Amino acid sequence: KEVLGVKYYDRYADDIVFFASSKDILHGILESVKAYLK
């Protein structure tokens, strides 16, 4: 929320959803999320 600045995001345990206006934005989020979790 505060570093990536994702407006529409929700998590229930380890089930997680992100929303955006384009696929490119979500692909960028995906790479950042993978790096943070690892």
Full PDB file with SEQRES, HELIX, SHEET, SSBOND, CRYST1, ORIGX, SCALE, CONECT and MASTER records, all heavy atoms in Angstrom:
SEQRES   1 A   38  LYS GLU VAL LEU GLY VAL LYS TYR TYR ASP ARG TYR ALA          
SEQRES   2 A   38  ASP ASP ILE VAL PHE PHE ALA SER SER LYS ASP ILE LEU          
SEQRES   3 A   38  HIS GLY ILE LEU GLU SER VAL LYS ALA TYR LEU LYS              
HELIX    1 AA1 LYS A   23  LEU A   37  1                                  15    
SHEET    1 AA1 2 TYR A   8  TYR A  12  0                                        
SHEET    2 AA1 2 ASP A  15  PHE A  19 -1                                        
CRYST1    1.000    1.000    1.000  90.00  90.00  90.00 P 1           1          
ORIGX1      1.000000  0.000000  0.000000        0.00000                         
ORIGX2      0.000000  1.000000  0.000000        0.00000                         
ORIGX3      0.000000  0.000000  1.000000        0.00000                         
SCALE1      1.000000  0.000000  0.000000        0.00000                         
SCALE2      0.000000  1.000000  0.000000        0.00000                         
SCALE3      0.000000  0.000000  1.000000        0.00000                         
ATOM      1  N   LYS A   1       0.810  -1.219   0.000  1.00  0.00           N  
ATOM      2  CA  LYS A   1       0.000   0.000   0.000  1.00  0.00           C  
ATOM      3  C   LYS A   1       0.845   1.270   0.000  1.00  0.00           C  
ATOM      4  O   LYS A   1       0.520   2.243  -0.689  1.00  0.00           O  
ATOM      5  CB  LYS A   1      -0.924   0.015   1.217  1.00  0.00           C  
ATOM      6  CG  LYS A   1      -1.949  -1.109   1.238  1.00  0.00           C  
ATOM      7  CD  LYS A   1      -2.915  -1.025   0.066  1.00  0.00           C  
ATOM      8  CE  LYS A   1      -3.861   0.139   0.192  1.00  0.00           C  
ATOM      9  NZ  LYS A   1      -4.885   0.143  -0.883  1.00  0.00           N  
ATOM     10  N   GLU A   2       1.933   1.262   0.770  1.00  0.00           N  
ATOM     11  CA  GLU A   2       2.651   2.514   1.015  1.00  0.00           C  
ATOM     12  C   GLU A   2       3.930   2.677   0.201  1.00  0.00           C  
ATOM     13  O   GLU A   2       4.383   3.803  -0.009  1.00  0.00           O  
ATOM     14  CB  GLU A   2       2.953   2.623   2.513  1.00  0.00           C  
ATOM     15  CG  GLU A   2       1.669   2.735   3.337  1.00  0.00           C  
ATOM     16  CD  GLU A   2       1.831   2.240   4.764  1.00  0.00           C  
ATOM     17  OE1 GLU A   2       2.972   2.242   5.262  1.00  0.00           O  
ATOM     18  OE2 GLU A   2       0.816   1.839   5.364  1.00  0.00           O  
ATOM     19  N   VAL A   3       4.511   1.581  -0.258  1.00  0.00           N  
ATOM     20  CA  VAL A   3       5.706   1.666  -1.095  1.00  0.00           C  
ATOM     21  C   VAL A   3       5.331   1.493  -2.573  1.00  0.00           C  
ATOM     22  O   VAL A   3       5.682   2.322  -3.411  1.00  0.00           O  
ATOM     23  CB  VAL A   3       6.762   0.625  -0.679  1.00  0.00           C  
ATOM     24  CG1 VAL A   3       7.971   0.699  -1.604  1.00  0.00           C  
ATOM     25  CG2 VAL A   3       7.188   0.860   0.772  1.00  0.00           C  
ATOM     26  N   LEU A   4       4.591   0.415  -2.869  1.00  0.00           N  
ATOM     27  CA  LEU A   4       4.165   0.212  -4.250  1.00  0.00           C  
ATOM     28  C   LEU A   4       3.002   1.131  -4.623  1.00  0.00           C  
ATOM     29  O   LEU A   4       2.779   1.387  -5.810  1.00  0.00           O  
ATOM     30  CB  LEU A   4       3.756  -1.252  -4.476  1.00  0.00           C  
ATOM     31  CG  LEU A   4       4.851  -2.309  -4.286  1.00  0.00           C  
ATOM     32  CD1 LEU A   4       4.312  -3.690  -4.630  1.00  0.00           C  
ATOM     33  CD2 LEU A   4       6.067  -1.989  -5.140  1.00  0.00           C  
ATOM     34  N   GLY A   5       2.246   1.582  -3.636  1.00  0.00           N  
ATOM     35  CA  GLY A   5       1.145   2.505  -3.901  1.00  0.00           C  
ATOM     36  C   GLY A   5      -0.031   1.873  -4.619  1.00  0.00           C  
ATOM     37  O   GLY A   5      -0.714   2.531  -5.417  1.00  0.00           O  
ATOM     38  N   VAL A   6      -0.300   0.595  -4.328  1.00  0.00           N  
ATOM     39  CA  VAL A   6      -1.417  -0.102  -4.969  1.00  0.00           C  
ATOM     40  C   VAL A   6      -2.728   0.351  -4.322  1.00  0.00           C  
ATOM     41  O   VAL A   6      -2.912   0.198  -3.114  1.00  0.00           O  
ATOM     42  CB  VAL A   6      -1.261  -1.632  -4.850  1.00  0.00           C  
ATOM     43  CG1 VAL A   6      -2.448  -2.336  -5.495  1.00  0.00           C  
ATOM     44  CG2 VAL A   6       0.046  -2.088  -5.483  1.00  0.00           C  
ATOM     45  N   LYS A   7      -3.624   0.870  -5.125  1.00  0.00           N  
ATOM     46  CA  LYS A   7      -4.890   1.382  -4.601  1.00  0.00           C  
ATOM     47  C   LYS A   7      -5.852   0.260  -4.245  1.00  0.00           C  
ATOM     48  O   LYS A   7      -6.460   0.256  -3.183  1.00  0.00           O  
ATOM     49  CB  LYS A   7      -5.534   2.321  -5.618  1.00  0.00           C  
ATOM     50  CG  LYS A   7      -6.826   2.967  -5.127  1.00  0.00           C  
ATOM     51  CD  LYS A   7      -7.380   3.958  -6.142  1.00  0.00           C  
ATOM     52  CE  LYS A   7      -8.652   4.617  -5.612  1.00  0.00           C  
ATOM     53  NZ  LYS A   7      -9.215   5.587  -6.599  1.00  0.00           N  
ATOM     54  N   TYR A   8      -6.003  -0.695  -5.167  1.00  0.00           N  
ATOM     55  CA  TYR A   8      -6.958  -1.781  -4.958  1.00  0.00           C  
ATOM     56  C   TYR A   8      -6.208  -3.085  -4.708  1.00  0.00           C  
ATOM     57  O   TYR A   8      -5.635  -3.680  -5.637  1.00  0.00           O  
ATOM     58  CB  TYR A   8      -7.891  -1.906  -6.156  1.00  0.00           C  
ATOM     59  CG  TYR A   8      -8.747  -0.673  -6.375  1.00  0.00           C  
ATOM     60  CD1 TYR A   8      -8.664   0.051  -7.556  1.00  0.00           C  
ATOM     61  CD2 TYR A   8      -9.616  -0.227  -5.383  1.00  0.00           C  
ATOM     62  CE1 TYR A   8      -9.443   1.180  -7.750  1.00  0.00           C  
ATOM     63  CE2 TYR A   8     -10.389   0.908  -5.566  1.00  0.00           C  
ATOM     64  CZ  TYR A   8     -10.305   1.606  -6.749  1.00  0.00           C  
ATOM     65  OH  TYR A   8     -11.072   2.731  -6.924  1.00  0.00           O  
ATOM     66  N   TYR A   9      -6.200  -3.472  -3.455  1.00  0.00           N  
ATOM     67  CA  TYR A   9      -5.445  -4.652  -2.997  1.00  0.00           C  
ATOM     68  C   TYR A   9      -6.209  -5.264  -1.846  1.00  0.00           C  
ATOM     69  O   TYR A   9      -6.802  -4.553  -1.025  1.00  0.00           O  
ATOM     70  CB  TYR A   9      -4.049  -4.219  -2.548  1.00  0.00           C  
ATOM     71  CG  TYR A   9      -3.341  -5.183  -1.615  1.00  0.00           C  
ATOM     72  CD1 TYR A   9      -2.712  -6.310  -2.115  1.00  0.00           C  
ATOM     73  CD2 TYR A   9      -3.293  -4.961  -0.237  1.00  0.00           C  
ATOM     74  CE1 TYR A   9      -2.053  -7.193  -1.266  1.00  0.00           C  
ATOM     75  CE2 TYR A   9      -2.639  -5.830   0.612  1.00  0.00           C  
ATOM     76  CZ  TYR A   9      -2.023  -6.952   0.096  1.00  0.00           C  
ATOM     77  OH  TYR A   9      -1.376  -7.825   0.931  1.00  0.00           O  
ATOM     78  N   ASP A  10      -6.222  -6.598  -1.779  1.00  0.00           N  
ATOM     79  CA  ASP A  10      -6.895  -7.254  -0.660  1.00  0.00           C  
ATOM     80  C   ASP A  10      -6.227  -8.595  -0.387  1.00  0.00           C  
ATOM     81  O   ASP A  10      -5.765  -9.268  -1.318  1.00  0.00           O  
ATOM     82  CB  ASP A  10      -8.379  -7.460  -0.973  1.00  0.00           C  
ATOM     83  CG  ASP A  10      -9.217  -7.516   0.298  1.00  0.00           C  
ATOM     84  OD1 ASP A  10      -9.500  -6.443   0.859  1.00  0.00           O  
ATOM     85  OD2 ASP A  10      -9.584  -8.625   0.725  1.00  0.00           O  
ATOM     86  N   ARG A  11      -6.198  -8.962   0.898  1.00  0.00           N  
ATOM     87  CA  ARG A  11      -5.566 -10.220   1.301  1.00  0.00           C  
ATOM     88  C   ARG A  11      -6.416 -10.932   2.328  1.00  0.00           C  
ATOM     89  O   ARG A  11      -6.861 -10.333   3.298  1.00  0.00           O  
ATOM     90  CB  ARG A  11      -4.171  -9.962   1.879  1.00  0.00           C  
ATOM     91  CG  ARG A  11      -3.468 -11.241   2.358  1.00  0.00           C  
ATOM     92  CD  ARG A  11      -2.054 -10.978   2.816  1.00  0.00           C  
ATOM     93  NE  ARG A  11      -1.995 -10.207   4.054  1.00  0.00           N  
ATOM     94  CZ  ARG A  11      -2.123 -10.735   5.277  1.00  0.00           C  
ATOM     95  NH1 ARG A  11      -2.350 -12.021   5.432  1.00  0.00           N  
ATOM     96  NH2 ARG A  11      -2.037  -9.960   6.348  1.00  0.00           N  
ATOM     97  N   TYR A  12      -6.628 -12.224   2.111  1.00  0.00           N  
ATOM     98  CA  TYR A  12      -7.248 -13.086   3.114  1.00  0.00           C  
ATOM     99  C   TYR A  12      -6.286 -14.257   3.338  1.00  0.00           C  
ATOM    100  O   TYR A  12      -6.158 -15.129   2.488  1.00  0.00           O  
ATOM    101  CB  TYR A  12      -8.617 -13.591   2.659  1.00  0.00           C  
ATOM    102  CG  TYR A  12      -9.388 -14.253   3.773  1.00  0.00           C  
ATOM    103  CD1 TYR A  12     -10.239 -13.503   4.580  1.00  0.00           C  
ATOM    104  CD2 TYR A  12      -9.222 -15.606   4.068  1.00  0.00           C  
ATOM    105  CE1 TYR A  12     -10.925 -14.090   5.625  1.00  0.00           C  
ATOM    106  CE2 TYR A  12      -9.891 -16.203   5.114  1.00  0.00           C  
ATOM    107  CZ  TYR A  12     -10.744 -15.439   5.893  1.00  0.00           C  
ATOM    108  OH  TYR A  12     -11.415 -16.018   6.949  1.00  0.00           O  
ATOM    109  N   ALA A  13      -5.571 -14.227   4.476  1.00  0.00           N  
ATOM    110  CA  ALA A  13      -4.500 -15.195   4.752  1.00  0.00           C  
ATOM    111  C   ALA A  13      -3.456 -15.084   3.635  1.00  0.00           C  
ATOM    112  O   ALA A  13      -2.874 -14.016   3.464  1.00  0.00           O  
ATOM    113  CB  ALA A  13      -5.050 -16.599   4.910  1.00  0.00           C  
ATOM    114  N   ASP A  14      -3.240 -16.153   2.851  1.00  0.00           N  
ATOM    115  CA  ASP A  14      -2.255 -16.060   1.763  1.00  0.00           C  
ATOM    116  C   ASP A  14      -2.911 -15.985   0.392  1.00  0.00           C  
ATOM    117  O   ASP A  14      -2.226 -16.126  -0.631  1.00  0.00           O  
ATOM    118  CB  ASP A  14      -1.278 -17.232   1.821  1.00  0.00           C  
ATOM    119  CG  ASP A  14      -1.955 -18.570   1.526  1.00  0.00           C  
ATOM    120  OD1 ASP A  14      -3.107 -18.755   1.952  1.00  0.00           O  
ATOM    121  OD2 ASP A  14      -1.335 -19.426   0.874  1.00  0.00           O  
ATOM    122  N   ASP A  15      -4.219 -15.776   0.340  1.00  0.00           N  
ATOM    123  CA  ASP A  15      -4.910 -15.514  -0.923  1.00  0.00           C  
ATOM    124  C   ASP A  15      -4.947 -14.011  -1.141  1.00  0.00           C  
ATOM    125  O   ASP A  15      -5.508 -13.272  -0.326  1.00  0.00           O  
ATOM    126  CB  ASP A  15      -6.328 -16.084  -0.903  1.00  0.00           C  
ATOM    127  CG  ASP A  15      -6.341 -17.605  -0.918  1.00  0.00           C  
ATOM    128  OD1 ASP A  15      -5.417 -18.189  -1.509  1.00  0.00           O  
ATOM    129  OD2 ASP A  15      -7.256 -18.197  -0.335  1.00  0.00           O  
ATOM    130  N   ILE A  16      -4.358 -13.554  -2.251  1.00  0.00           N  
ATOM    131  CA  ILE A  16      -4.119 -12.124  -2.447  1.00  0.00           C  
ATOM    132  C   ILE A  16      -4.579 -11.702  -3.834  1.00  0.00           C  
ATOM    133  O   ILE A  16      -4.325 -12.407  -4.823  1.00  0.00           O  
ATOM    134  CB  ILE A  16      -2.618 -11.804  -2.274  1.00  0.00           C  
ATOM    135  CG1 ILE A  16      -2.102 -12.336  -0.924  1.00  0.00           C  
ATOM    136  CG2 ILE A  16      -2.362 -10.311  -2.384  1.00  0.00           C  
ATOM    137  CD1 ILE A  16      -0.592 -12.305  -0.768  1.00  0.00           C  
ATOM    138  N   VAL A  17      -5.264 -10.547  -3.904  1.00  0.00           N  
ATOM    139  CA  VAL A  17      -5.692 -10.005  -5.195  1.00  0.00           C  
ATOM    140  C   VAL A  17      -5.253  -8.547  -5.323  1.00  0.00           C  
ATOM    141  O   VAL A  17      -5.257  -7.792  -4.351  1.00  0.00           O  
ATOM    142  CB  VAL A  17      -7.217 -10.119  -5.395  1.00  0.00           C  
ATOM    143  CG1 VAL A  17      -7.641 -11.559  -5.568  1.00  0.00           C  
ATOM    144  CG2 VAL A  17      -7.977  -9.477  -4.245  1.00  0.00           C  
ATOM    145  N   PHE A  18      -4.855  -8.176  -6.537  1.00  0.00           N  
ATOM    146  CA  PHE A  18      -4.497  -6.800  -6.889  1.00  0.00           C  
ATOM    147  C   PHE A  18      -5.345  -6.408  -8.097  1.00  0.00           C  
ATOM    148  O   PHE A  18      -5.627  -7.239  -8.967  1.00  0.00           O  
ATOM    149  CB  PHE A  18      -3.026  -6.684  -7.290  1.00  0.00           C  
ATOM    150  CG  PHE A  18      -2.040  -7.196  -6.281  1.00  0.00           C  
ATOM    151  CD1 PHE A  18      -1.788  -8.562  -6.162  1.00  0.00           C  
ATOM    152  CD2 PHE A  18      -1.333  -6.323  -5.470  1.00  0.00           C  
ATOM    153  CE1 PHE A  18      -0.859  -9.043  -5.252  1.00  0.00           C  
ATOM    154  CE2 PHE A  18      -0.389  -6.791  -4.565  1.00  0.00           C  
ATOM    155  CZ  PHE A  18      -0.159  -8.150  -4.449  1.00  0.00           C  
ATOM    156  N   PHE A  19      -5.686  -5.125  -8.191  1.00  0.00           N  
ATOM    157  CA  PHE A  19      -6.423  -4.633  -9.354  1.00  0.00           C  
ATOM    158  C   PHE A  19      -5.715  -3.403  -9.912  1.00  0.00           C  
ATOM    159  O   PHE A  19      -5.125  -2.617  -9.165  1.00  0.00           O  
ATOM    160  CB  PHE A  19      -7.857  -4.257  -8.974  1.00  0.00           C  
ATOM    161  CG  PHE A  19      -8.693  -5.409  -8.487  1.00  0.00           C  
ATOM    162  CD1 PHE A  19      -8.768  -5.702  -7.139  1.00  0.00           C  
ATOM    163  CD2 PHE A  19      -9.396  -6.198  -9.386  1.00  0.00           C  
ATOM    164  CE1 PHE A  19      -9.525  -6.767  -6.685  1.00  0.00           C  
ATOM    165  CE2 PHE A  19     -10.164  -7.260  -8.944  1.00  0.00           C  
ATOM    166  CZ  PHE A  19     -10.232  -7.552  -7.593  1.00  0.00           C  
ATOM    167  N   ALA A  20      -5.805  -3.243 -11.230  1.00  0.00           N  
ATOM    168  CA  ALA A  20      -5.214  -2.070 -11.884  1.00  0.00           C  
ATOM    169  C   ALA A  20      -5.900  -1.860 -13.230  1.00  0.00           C  
ATOM    170  O   ALA A  20      -6.704  -2.689 -13.683  1.00  0.00           O  
ATOM    171  CB  ALA A  20      -3.710  -2.250 -12.066  1.00  0.00           C  
ATOM    172  N   SER A  21      -5.547  -0.764 -13.870  1.00  0.00           N  
ATOM    173  CA  SER A  21      -6.176  -0.408 -15.138  1.00  0.00           C  
ATOM    174  C   SER A  21      -5.505  -1.064 -16.337  1.00  0.00           C  
ATOM    175  O   SER A  21      -6.034  -1.012 -17.442  1.00  0.00           O  
ATOM    176  CB  SER A  21      -6.165   1.118 -15.324  1.00  0.00           C  
ATOM    177  OG  SER A  21      -4.831   1.610 -15.280  1.00  0.00           O  
ATOM    178  N   SER A  22      -4.329  -1.694 -16.126  1.00  0.00           N  
ATOM    179  CA  SER A  22      -3.643  -2.338 -17.250  1.00  0.00           C  
ATOM    180  C   SER A  22      -2.859  -3.558 -16.783  1.00  0.00           C  
ATOM    181  O   SER A  22      -2.476  -3.659 -15.615  1.00  0.00           O  
ATOM    182  CB  SER A  22      -2.701  -1.358 -17.933  1.00  0.00           C  
ATOM    183  OG  SER A  22      -1.527  -1.154 -17.157  1.00  0.00           O  
ATOM    184  N   LYS A  23      -2.598  -4.453 -17.714  1.00  0.00           N  
ATOM    185  CA  LYS A  23      -1.803  -5.646 -17.415  1.00  0.00           C  
ATOM    186  C   LYS A  23      -0.358  -5.277 -17.103  1.00  0.00           C  
ATOM    187  O   LYS A  23       0.282  -5.914 -16.252  1.00  0.00           O  
ATOM    188  CB  LYS A  23      -1.841  -6.610 -18.607  1.00  0.00           C  
ATOM    189  CG  LYS A  23      -3.133  -7.372 -18.773  1.00  0.00           C  
ATOM    190  CD  LYS A  23      -2.990  -8.407 -19.884  1.00  0.00           C  
ATOM    191  CE  LYS A  23      -4.246  -9.248 -20.017  1.00  0.00           C  
ATOM    192  NZ  LYS A  23      -4.102 -10.282 -21.079  1.00  0.00           N  
ATOM    193  N   ASP A  24       0.167  -4.272 -17.774  1.00  0.00           N  
ATOM    194  CA  ASP A  24       1.563  -3.882 -17.551  1.00  0.00           C  
ATOM    195  C   ASP A  24       1.807  -3.467 -16.108  1.00  0.00           C  
ATOM    196  O   ASP A  24       2.840  -3.799 -15.514  1.00  0.00           O  
ATOM    197  CB  ASP A  24       1.945  -2.733 -18.494  1.00  0.00           C  
ATOM    198  CG  ASP A  24       2.047  -3.185 -19.944  1.00  0.00           C  
ATOM    199  OD1 ASP A  24       2.197  -4.411 -20.162  1.00  0.00           O  
ATOM    200  OD2 ASP A  24       1.972  -2.329 -20.837  1.00  0.00           O  
ATOM    201  N   ILE A  25       0.855  -2.729 -15.540  1.00  0.00           N  
ATOM    202  CA  ILE A  25       0.987  -2.322 -14.131  1.00  0.00           C  
ATOM    203  C   ILE A  25       1.039  -3.549 -13.235  1.00  0.00           C  
ATOM    204  O   ILE A  25       1.881  -3.639 -12.326  1.00  0.00           O  
ATOM    205  CB  ILE A  25      -0.185  -1.406 -13.724  1.00  0.00           C  
ATOM    206  CG1 ILE A  25      -0.113  -0.080 -14.481  1.00  0.00           C  
ATOM    207  CG2 ILE A  25      -0.186  -1.163 -12.207  1.00  0.00           C  
ATOM    208  CD1 ILE A  25      -1.321   0.825 -14.264  1.00  0.00           C  
ATOM    209  N   LEU A  26       0.174  -4.509 -13.498  1.00  0.00           N  
ATOM    210  CA  LEU A  26       0.116  -5.711 -12.660  1.00  0.00           C  
ATOM    211  C   LEU A  26       1.358  -6.576 -12.826  1.00  0.00           C  
ATOM    212  O   LEU A  26       1.831  -7.182 -11.856  1.00  0.00           O  
ATOM    213  CB  LEU A  26      -1.144  -6.515 -12.986  1.00  0.00           C  
ATOM    214  CG  LEU A  26      -2.464  -5.844 -12.586  1.00  0.00           C  
ATOM    215  CD1 LEU A  26      -3.652  -6.697 -13.012  1.00  0.00           C  
ATOM    216  CD2 LEU A  26      -2.524  -5.581 -11.079  1.00  0.00           C  
ATOM    217  N   HIS A  27       1.929  -6.637 -14.022  1.00  0.00           N  
ATOM    218  CA  HIS A  27       3.179  -7.386 -14.216  1.00  0.00           C  
ATOM    219  C   HIS A  27       4.314  -6.739 -13.418  1.00  0.00           C  
ATOM    220  O   HIS A  27       5.148  -7.448 -12.830  1.00  0.00           O  
ATOM    221  CB  HIS A  27       3.537  -7.452 -15.704  1.00  0.00           C  
ATOM    222  CG  HIS A  27       2.808  -8.519 -16.460  1.00  0.00           C  
ATOM    223  ND1 HIS A  27       3.019  -9.866 -16.241  1.00  0.00           N  
ATOM    224  CD2 HIS A  27       1.846  -8.433 -17.418  1.00  0.00           C  
ATOM    225  CE1 HIS A  27       2.243 -10.574 -17.036  1.00  0.00           C  
ATOM    226  NE2 HIS A  27       1.512  -9.738 -17.768  1.00  0.00           N  
ATOM    227  N   GLY A  28       4.337  -5.417 -13.358  1.00  0.00           N  
ATOM    228  CA  GLY A  28       5.347  -4.730 -12.552  1.00  0.00           C  
ATOM    229  C   GLY A  28       5.164  -5.004 -11.070  1.00  0.00           C  
ATOM    230  O   GLY A  28       6.135  -5.244 -10.335  1.00  0.00           O  
ATOM    231  N   ILE A  29       3.901  -4.986 -10.616  1.00  0.00           N  
ATOM    232  CA  ILE A  29       3.598  -5.308  -9.216  1.00  0.00           C  
ATOM    233  C   ILE A  29       4.028  -6.731  -8.892  1.00  0.00           C  
ATOM    234  O   ILE A  29       4.619  -6.998  -7.836  1.00  0.00           O  
ATOM    235  CB  ILE A  29       2.093  -5.116  -8.939  1.00  0.00           C  
ATOM    236  CG1 ILE A  29       1.723  -3.630  -8.988  1.00  0.00           C  
ATOM    237  CG2 ILE A  29       1.704  -5.721  -7.584  1.00  0.00           C  
ATOM    238  CD1 ILE A  29       0.233  -3.362  -8.935  1.00  0.00           C  
ATOM    239  N   LEU A  30       3.749  -7.646  -9.797  1.00  0.00           N  
ATOM    240  CA  LEU A  30       4.091  -9.054  -9.578  1.00  0.00           C  
ATOM    241  C   LEU A  30       5.586  -9.234  -9.337  1.00  0.00           C  
ATOM    242  O   LEU A  30       5.987  -9.949  -8.405  1.00  0.00           O  
ATOM    243  CB  LEU A  30       3.645  -9.885 -10.780  1.00  0.00           C  
ATOM    244  CG  LEU A  30       3.995 -11.372 -10.744  1.00  0.00           C  
ATOM    245  CD1 LEU A  30       3.327 -12.063  -9.560  1.00  0.00           C  
ATOM    246  CD2 LEU A  30       3.578 -12.048 -12.056  1.00  0.00           C  
ATOM    247  N   GLU A  31       6.409  -8.600 -10.133  1.00  0.00           N  
ATOM    248  CA  GLU A  31       7.858  -8.739  -9.971  1.00  0.00           C  
ATOM    249  C   GLU A  31       8.326  -8.151  -8.638  1.00  0.00           C  
ATOM    250  O   GLU A  31       9.186  -8.727  -7.964  1.00  0.00           O  
ATOM    251  CB  GLU A  31       8.583  -8.070 -11.136  1.00  0.00           C  
ATOM    252  CG  GLU A  31       8.350  -8.756 -12.477  1.00  0.00           C  
ATOM    253  CD  GLU A  31       8.644 -10.248 -12.426  1.00  0.00           C  
ATOM    254  OE1 GLU A  31       9.718 -10.621 -11.902  1.00  0.00           O  
ATOM    255  OE2 GLU A  31       7.802 -11.035 -12.893  1.00  0.00           O  
ATOM    256  N   SER A  32       7.760  -7.013  -8.243  1.00  0.00           N  
ATOM    257  CA  SER A  32       8.124  -6.395  -6.957  1.00  0.00           C  
ATOM    258  C   SER A  32       7.701  -7.268  -5.790  1.00  0.00           C  
ATOM    259  O   SER A  32       8.431  -7.425  -4.800  1.00  0.00           O  
ATOM    260  CB  SER A  32       7.475  -5.015  -6.843  1.00  0.00           C  
ATOM    261  OG  SER A  32       7.958  -4.136  -7.840  1.00  0.00           O  
ATOM    262  N   VAL A  33       6.514  -7.848  -5.896  1.00  0.00           N  
ATOM    263  CA  VAL A  33       5.994  -8.717  -4.833  1.00  0.00           C  
ATOM    264  C   VAL A  33       6.851  -9.964  -4.693  1.00  0.00           C  
ATOM    265  O   VAL A  33       7.199 -10.384  -3.579  1.00  0.00           O  
ATOM    266  CB  VAL A  33       4.516  -9.084  -5.130  1.00  0.00           C  
ATOM    267  CG1 VAL A  33       4.071 -10.273  -4.285  1.00  0.00           C  
ATOM    268  CG2 VAL A  33       3.612  -7.885  -4.870  1.00  0.00           C  
ATOM    269  N   LYS A  34       7.205 -10.577  -5.805  1.00  0.00           N  
ATOM    270  CA  LYS A  34       8.066 -11.768  -5.758  1.00  0.00           C  
ATOM    271  C   LYS A  34       9.378 -11.462  -5.046  1.00  0.00           C  
ATOM    272  O   LYS A  34       9.838 -12.243  -4.190  1.00  0.00           O  
ATOM    273  CB  LYS A  34       8.366 -12.251  -7.183  1.00  0.00           C  
ATOM    274  CG  LYS A  34       7.244 -13.003  -7.866  1.00  0.00           C  
ATOM    275  CD  LYS A  34       7.710 -13.460  -9.244  1.00  0.00           C  
ATOM    276  CE  LYS A  34       6.677 -14.284  -9.960  1.00  0.00           C  
ATOM    277  NZ  LYS A  34       7.134 -14.705 -11.317  1.00  0.00           N  
ATOM    278  N   ALA A  35       9.981 -10.326  -5.382  1.00  0.00           N  
ATOM    279  CA  ALA A  35      11.275  -9.960  -4.782  1.00  0.00           C  
ATOM    280  C   ALA A  35      11.121  -9.703  -3.284  1.00  0.00           C  
ATOM    281  O   ALA A  35      11.962 -10.150  -2.485  1.00  0.00           O  
ATOM    282  CB  ALA A  35      11.835  -8.723  -5.487  1.00  0.00           C  
ATOM    283  N   TYR A  36      10.064  -8.998  -2.889  1.00  0.00           N  
ATOM    284  CA  TYR A  36       9.879  -8.693  -1.462  1.00  0.00           C  
ATOM    285  C   TYR A  36       9.667  -9.979  -0.660  1.00  0.00           C  
ATOM    286  O   TYR A  36      10.290 -10.165   0.398  1.00  0.00           O  
ATOM    287  CB  TYR A  36       8.681  -7.759  -1.281  1.00  0.00           C  
ATOM    288  CG  TYR A  36       8.456  -7.368   0.172  1.00  0.00           C  
ATOM    289  CD1 TYR A  36       8.995  -6.201   0.677  1.00  0.00           C  
ATOM    290  CD2 TYR A  36       7.729  -8.189   1.039  1.00  0.00           C  
ATOM    291  CE1 TYR A  36       8.812  -5.846   2.010  1.00  0.00           C  
ATOM    292  CE2 TYR A  36       7.536  -7.853   2.367  1.00  0.00           C  
ATOM    293  CZ  TYR A  36       8.083  -6.676   2.849  1.00  0.00           C  
ATOM    294  OH  TYR A  36       7.904  -6.336   4.164  1.00  0.00           O  
ATOM    295  N   LEU A  37       8.793 -10.837  -1.139  1.00  0.00           N  
ATOM    296  CA  LEU A  37       8.492 -12.070  -0.401  1.00  0.00           C  
ATOM    297  C   LEU A  37       9.729 -12.948  -0.264  1.00  0.00           C  
ATOM    298  O   LEU A  37       9.992 -13.517   0.801  1.00  0.00           O  
ATOM    299  CB  LEU A  37       7.373 -12.838  -1.100  1.00  0.00           C  
ATOM    300  CG  LEU A  37       5.989 -12.193  -1.063  1.00  0.00           C  
ATOM    301  CD1 LEU A  37       5.004 -12.991  -1.906  1.00  0.00           C  
ATOM    302  CD2 LEU A  37       5.468 -12.056   0.364  1.00  0.00           C  
ATOM    303  N   LYS A  38      10.529 -13.036  -1.326  1.00  0.00           N  
ATOM    304  CA  LYS A  38      11.730 -13.870  -1.288  1.00  0.00           C  
ATOM    305  C   LYS A  38      12.798 -13.271  -0.377  1.00  0.00           C  
ATOM    306  O   LYS A  38      13.388 -13.979   0.453  1.00  0.00           O  
ATOM    307  CB  LYS A  38      12.282 -14.043  -2.703  1.00  0.00           C  
ATOM    308  CG  LYS A  38      13.530 -14.910  -2.766  1.00  0.00           C  
ATOM    309  CD  LYS A  38      14.032 -15.057  -4.201  1.00  0.00           C  
ATOM    310  CE  LYS A  38      15.294 -15.911  -4.251  1.00  0.00           C  
ATOM    311  NZ  LYS A  38      15.798 -16.054  -5.653  1.00  0.00           N  
TER     312      LYS A  38                                                      
MASTER        0    0    0    1    2    0    0    6  311    1    0    3          
END                                                                             
